[in-house]
Amino acid sequence: MLSLNYTRIVRSARALLHPHWLLTKRESVYKAVTCSARCITTSLPLKDTWHSSRSLKALGKGRSYHSNLLLRYYSTGQVELNCWKCKQPLDQSPAFFCMSCKVVQPPEEGTSYFKIMDCDCTFTLDTQKLQKRYLQLQRSLHPDNFSHKSVKEQEYSETHSALVNKAYRTLLKPLSRGLYMLELKGISIEEGTDSGADPEFLMELMEINEALHGARTSEQANEIGKDAKGKLADLTKEIDAALLKGELQAAKALLAQMKYYANIEEKVKEKLSELM
């Protein structure tokens, strides 16, 4: 009987999760070997995302470009990179522009989102600095700035802009940030991992979900949302402490809990919209 009840708890708890909270595989680097760019996916860590020519069409330009991108590799100790146009050495990494001729450069493979956004690789990063960096990069890399440039420069700007967008969205929220930090260490939280969760925790989630479903006033829904926000604040502190100590499995378990409470917080917003 206990086993049956536990199975029911697990299945019910899974219903709390929204697909947006599942850790998805990251797309691979923008790679071209023929006349058109293709986007491939990979589950390996330390691979960031660059979008293909389909992103250009999404901007409403309706044009198809021939791709002439080459992968560039960067790591400490490798031969320095040179500008694709003037051939001068690039002084920074990632190098978005050549300091000599000011031309936009192709993306570098293996550059973490933290490095792209010029942020410390920490769970409690400075979100104001992150937002400032995001606005700075988007102002300089936005494809509209390259509408009269060469096709190659248009492609590079589009690729960088999409990458910056994804890096910003990933690092902005504690949940996605923590999941990404674990991914950099080769650890992911896959669907179905709730089977090892504490039955008491799963029962608590069921009760919260039932209370939210039965809420008839905005006050009742807001109270549930307030409790969820408090839980998320506590989990943020615990996750930060675990990551600082290098306790990755503990951080993984705490992030799994954060995923549930973050989903509850979103459900509260939906409930409030229904009650208005």
Protein backbone atom coordinates (compact mmCIF):
# COMPACT_ATOMS: atom_id res chain seq x y z
CA MET A 1 0.00 0.00 0.00
CA LEU A 2 2.85 2.37 0.87
CA SER A 3 4.50 1.68 -2.48
CA LEU A 4 1.25 2.38 -4.32
CA ASN A 5 0.67 5.63 -2.45
CA TYR A 6 4.24 6.73 -3.06
CA THR A 7 3.82 6.08 -6.81
CA ARG A 8 0.67 8.19 -6.82
CA ILE A 9 2.48 10.99 -5.01
CA VAL A 10 5.31 10.94 -7.52
CA ARG A 11 2.93 11.01 -10.49
CA SER A 12 0.91 13.81 -9.00
CA ALA A 13 4.00 15.84 -8.25
CA ARG A 14 5.14 15.50 -11.82
CA ALA A 15 1.97 17.19 -12.92
CA LEU A 16 3.14 20.31 -11.07
CA LEU A 17 6.05 20.74 -13.41
CA HIS A 18 5.69 22.79 -16.57
CA PRO A 19 7.77 21.73 -19.59
CA HIS A 20 9.52 25.11 -19.55
CA TRP A 21 11.36 24.09 -16.40
CA LEU A 22 12.91 20.96 -17.87
CA LEU A 23 16.57 21.32 -18.62
CA THR A 24 16.81 21.15 -22.38
CA LYS A 25 19.78 20.13 -24.47
CA ARG A 26 21.74 23.04 -25.74
CA GLU A 27 22.13 23.75 -29.41
CA SER A 28 25.57 23.45 -30.90
CA VAL A 29 27.83 26.06 -32.39
CA TYR A 30 26.84 27.68 -35.67
CA LYS A 31 28.64 25.54 -38.19
CA ALA A 32 28.73 25.82 -41.97
CA VAL A 33 30.30 23.41 -44.42
CA THR A 34 28.12 24.05 -47.47
CA CYS A 35 26.21 26.99 -48.89
CA SER A 36 23.63 27.08 -46.08
CA ALA A 37 24.02 27.17 -42.30
CA ARG A 38 22.63 24.36 -40.21
CA CYS A 39 21.92 24.16 -36.54
CA ILE A 40 22.76 20.93 -34.71
CA THR A 41 22.14 20.02 -31.08
CA THR A 42 24.43 18.55 -28.49
CA SER A 43 24.10 17.52 -24.86
CA LEU A 44 27.77 18.01 -24.07
CA PRO A 45 28.57 20.61 -21.40
CA LEU A 46 30.50 23.79 -22.12
CA LYS A 47 28.83 24.18 -25.52
CA ASP A 48 26.99 27.44 -25.99
CA THR A 49 24.32 28.19 -28.52
CA TRP A 50 24.49 29.95 -31.82
CA HIS A 51 21.47 30.15 -34.08
CA SER A 52 21.50 29.34 -37.76
CA SER A 53 20.20 31.24 -40.77
CA ARG A 54 16.63 30.45 -39.73
CA SER A 55 17.02 33.18 -37.08
CA LEU A 56 17.56 35.71 -39.84
CA LYS A 57 14.21 34.81 -41.35
CA ALA A 58 12.61 35.19 -37.93
CA LEU A 59 13.57 38.86 -38.00
CA GLY A 60 11.21 39.30 -40.94
CA LYS A 61 13.87 39.97 -43.53
CA GLY A 62 12.87 36.92 -45.52
CA ARG A 63 16.32 36.51 -47.02
CA SER A 64 18.43 33.41 -47.29
CA TYR A 65 22.16 33.83 -46.87
CA HIS A 66 25.07 31.70 -47.94
CA SER A 67 27.14 30.96 -44.89
CA ASN A 68 30.87 31.33 -44.78
CA LEU A 69 31.34 30.78 -41.07
CA LEU A 70 34.26 28.86 -39.66
CA LEU A 71 34.43 27.53 -36.14
CA ARG A 72 36.88 29.26 -33.88
CA TYR A 73 38.29 27.59 -30.83
CA TYR A 74 39.51 29.38 -27.75
CA SER A 75 41.26 28.19 -24.62
CA THR A 76 44.20 29.33 -22.57
CA GLY A 77 47.45 28.36 -24.24
CA GLN A 78 46.08 28.12 -27.78
CA VAL A 79 47.39 30.18 -30.65
CA GLU A 80 45.94 33.69 -30.51
CA LEU A 81 43.03 34.48 -32.77
CA ASN A 82 43.27 36.93 -35.63
CA CYS A 83 40.68 39.16 -37.25
CA TRP A 84 39.13 37.47 -40.28
CA LYS A 85 39.39 40.72 -42.28
CA CYS A 86 42.54 42.66 -41.33
CA LYS A 87 44.37 39.63 -39.83
CA GLN A 88 45.44 41.62 -36.76
CA PRO A 89 45.50 39.75 -33.40
CA LEU A 90 42.35 39.93 -31.30
CA ASP A 91 43.13 41.24 -27.85
CA GLN A 92 40.03 40.01 -26.01
CA SER A 93 38.06 36.84 -25.61
CA PRO A 94 35.30 36.71 -26.49
CA ALA A 95 36.17 39.22 -29.18
CA PHE A 96 32.98 40.68 -30.61
CA PHE A 97 34.85 43.29 -32.66
CA CYS A 98 38.37 43.74 -33.97
CA MET A 99 40.01 46.65 -32.16
CA SER A 100 42.03 47.50 -35.29
CA CYS A 101 39.44 47.59 -38.08
CA LYS A 102 36.28 47.57 -35.88
CA VAL A 103 34.72 44.70 -37.86
CA VAL A 104 32.42 42.23 -36.09
CA GLN A 105 34.00 38.82 -35.48
CA PRO A 106 32.56 35.30 -35.68
CA PRO A 107 31.53 33.59 -32.41
CA GLU A 108 33.96 31.47 -30.43
CA GLU A 109 33.09 27.91 -29.51
CA GLY A 110 33.16 26.90 -25.86
CA THR A 111 32.75 30.36 -24.34
CA SER A 112 30.52 30.22 -21.27
CA TYR A 113 27.55 32.49 -20.79
CA PHE A 114 29.26 34.00 -17.75
CA LYS A 115 32.22 35.06 -19.86
CA ILE A 116 30.03 36.41 -22.65
CA MET A 117 28.11 38.53 -20.15
CA ASP A 118 31.29 39.52 -18.27
CA CYS A 119 29.93 38.15 -14.96
CA ASP A 120 31.55 36.18 -12.19
CA CYS A 121 30.70 32.49 -12.36
CA THR A 122 28.68 32.54 -9.17
CA PHE A 123 25.11 31.69 -8.27
CA THR A 124 24.53 35.08 -6.62
CA LEU A 125 25.76 37.19 -9.52
CA ASP A 126 25.09 40.91 -9.87
CA THR A 127 21.90 41.04 -11.98
CA GLN A 128 22.17 44.82 -12.43
CA LYS A 129 25.61 44.36 -13.99
CA LEU A 130 24.17 41.55 -16.12
CA GLN A 131 21.38 43.78 -17.43
CA LYS A 132 23.80 46.62 -18.14
CA ARG A 133 26.07 44.27 -20.10
CA TYR A 134 23.09 42.88 -22.03
CA LEU A 135 21.94 46.32 -23.15
CA GLN A 136 25.49 47.29 -24.10
CA LEU A 137 25.99 44.20 -26.26
CA GLN A 138 22.61 44.41 -27.92
CA ARG A 139 23.16 48.05 -28.84
CA SER A 140 26.43 47.21 -30.57
CA LEU A 141 25.53 43.80 -32.04
CA HIS A 142 21.91 44.27 -33.12
CA PRO A 143 21.45 43.10 -36.74
CA ASP A 144 19.85 46.42 -37.71
CA ASN A 145 23.26 48.02 -37.29
CA PHE A 146 24.66 45.79 -40.03
CA SER A 147 21.94 46.05 -42.66
CA HIS A 148 24.35 47.82 -45.05
CA LYS A 149 27.36 45.65 -44.21
CA SER A 150 28.58 42.52 -45.95
CA VAL A 151 26.60 39.29 -45.76
CA LYS A 152 29.28 37.81 -43.54
CA GLU A 153 29.02 40.67 -41.05
CA GLN A 154 25.22 40.39 -41.06
CA GLU A 155 25.46 36.70 -40.23
CA TYR A 156 27.97 37.25 -37.45
CA SER A 157 25.89 40.01 -35.84
CA GLU A 158 22.74 37.88 -36.02
CA THR A 159 24.53 34.95 -34.45
CA HIS A 160 26.03 37.04 -31.65
CA SER A 161 22.72 38.77 -30.94
CA ALA A 162 20.89 35.45 -30.56
CA LEU A 163 23.65 34.10 -28.32
CA VAL A 164 23.62 37.18 -26.08
CA ASN A 165 19.83 36.89 -25.75
CA LYS A 166 20.08 33.28 -24.63
CA ALA A 167 22.96 33.95 -22.25
CA TYR A 168 21.01 36.79 -20.64
CA ARG A 169 17.81 34.77 -20.22
CA THR A 170 19.74 31.84 -18.76
CA LEU A 171 21.69 33.85 -16.19
CA LEU A 172 18.90 36.23 -15.18
CA LYS A 173 16.78 33.76 -13.17
CA PRO A 174 18.27 31.77 -10.24
CA LEU A 175 16.78 28.46 -11.42
CA SER A 176 18.08 28.54 -15.00
CA ARG A 177 21.38 29.98 -13.74
CA GLY A 178 21.86 27.16 -11.26
CA LEU A 179 20.94 24.50 -13.79
CA TYR A 180 23.43 25.99 -16.23
CA MET A 181 26.18 26.01 -13.59
CA LEU A 182 25.55 22.32 -12.98
CA GLU A 183 25.55 21.66 -16.71
CA LEU A 184 28.98 23.24 -16.97
CA LYS A 185 30.07 20.58 -14.47
CA GLY A 186 28.43 17.83 -16.51
CA ILE A 187 25.39 17.45 -14.25
CA SER A 188 21.77 17.82 -15.37
CA ILE A 189 18.34 17.36 -13.82
CA GLU A 190 16.38 15.16 -16.17
CA GLU A 191 12.68 14.45 -16.28
CA GLY A 192 11.68 11.71 -13.87
CA THR A 193 14.26 12.46 -11.19
CA ASP A 194 11.41 13.14 -8.74
CA SER A 195 11.17 9.37 -8.15
CA GLY A 196 13.92 9.75 -5.55
CA ALA A 197 12.39 12.77 -3.82
CA ASP A 198 11.29 12.77 -0.20
CA PRO A 199 7.66 11.53 0.04
CA GLU A 200 6.92 14.23 2.63
CA PHE A 201 8.15 16.90 0.23
CA LEU A 202 6.02 15.49 -2.57
CA MET A 203 3.01 15.37 -0.28
CA GLU A 204 3.59 19.01 0.65
CA LEU A 205 3.64 19.95 -3.03
CA MET A 206 0.37 18.11 -3.60
CA GLU A 207 -1.26 20.01 -0.74
CA ILE A 208 -0.03 23.35 -2.09
CA ASN A 209 -1.31 22.50 -5.55
CA GLU A 210 -4.70 21.47 -4.19
CA ALA A 211 -4.94 24.65 -2.13
CA LEU A 212 -4.13 26.76 -5.16
CA HIS A 213 -6.67 24.91 -7.27
CA GLY A 214 -9.30 25.52 -4.63
CA ALA A 215 -8.45 29.22 -4.09
CA ARG A 216 -11.52 31.38 -4.65
CA THR A 217 -10.08 34.82 -3.92
CA SER A 218 -7.00 36.80 -4.89
CA GLU A 219 -6.02 36.97 -1.22
CA GLN A 220 -5.89 33.19 -0.97
CA ALA A 221 -3.81 32.87 -4.15
CA ASN A 222 -1.48 35.67 -3.07
CA GLU A 223 -0.87 33.95 0.27
CA ILE A 224 0.20 30.78 -1.53
CA GLY A 225 2.43 32.85 -3.81
CA LYS A 226 4.00 34.58 -0.82
CA ASP A 227 4.85 31.23 0.77
CA ALA A 228 6.36 29.97 -2.50
CA LYS A 229 8.48 33.11 -2.83
CA GLY A 230 9.76 32.63 0.71
CA LYS A 231 10.70 29.03 -0.07
CA LEU A 232 12.54 30.18 -3.20
CA ALA A 233 14.48 32.77 -1.20
CA ASP A 234 15.56 30.13 1.32
CA LEU A 235 16.53 27.71 -1.44
CA THR A 236 18.59 30.40 -3.17
CA LYS A 237 20.73 30.78 -0.05
CA GLU A 238 21.11 27.02 0.39
CA ILE A 239 22.04 26.45 -3.24
CA ASP A 240 24.61 29.23 -3.15
CA ALA A 241 26.19 27.71 -0.04
CA ALA A 242 26.27 24.23 -1.61
CA LEU A 243 27.88 25.48 -4.83
CA LEU A 244 30.49 27.48 -2.92
CA LYS A 245 31.43 24.32 -1.02
CA GLY A 246 31.54 22.28 -4.23
CA GLU A 247 28.69 20.06 -3.03
CA LEU A 248 27.23 19.54 -6.50
CA GLN A 249 24.86 16.70 -5.66
CA ALA A 250 23.39 18.70 -2.79
CA ALA A 251 22.97 21.67 -5.13
CA LYS A 252 21.28 19.41 -7.66
CA ALA A 253 18.75 18.18 -5.09
CA LEU A 254 18.01 21.75 -3.98
CA LEU A 255 17.61 22.95 -7.56
CA ALA A 256 15.12 20.14 -8.15
CA GLN A 257 13.07 21.56 -5.27
CA MET A 258 13.46 25.08 -6.63
CA LYS A 259 12.06 23.87 -9.94
CA TYR A 260 8.83 22.80 -8.20
CA TYR A 261 8.41 26.01 -6.24
CA ALA A 262 9.21 28.17 -9.25
CA ASN A 263 6.48 26.33 -11.11
CA ILE A 264 4.05 26.94 -8.24
CA GLU A 265 4.92 30.64 -8.41
CA GLU A 266 3.99 30.66 -12.10
CA LYS A 267 0.76 28.82 -11.40
CA VAL A 268 -0.14 31.47 -8.82
CA LYS A 269 0.20 34.14 -11.51
CA GLU A 270 -2.10 32.15 -13.78
CA LYS A 271 -4.60 31.71 -10.96
CA LEU A 272 -4.61 35.44 -10.23
CA SER A 273 -5.32 36.13 -13.89
CA GLU A 274 -8.32 33.78 -13.72
CA LEU A 275 -9.68 35.47 -10.60
CA MET A 276 -9.46 38.98 -12.01
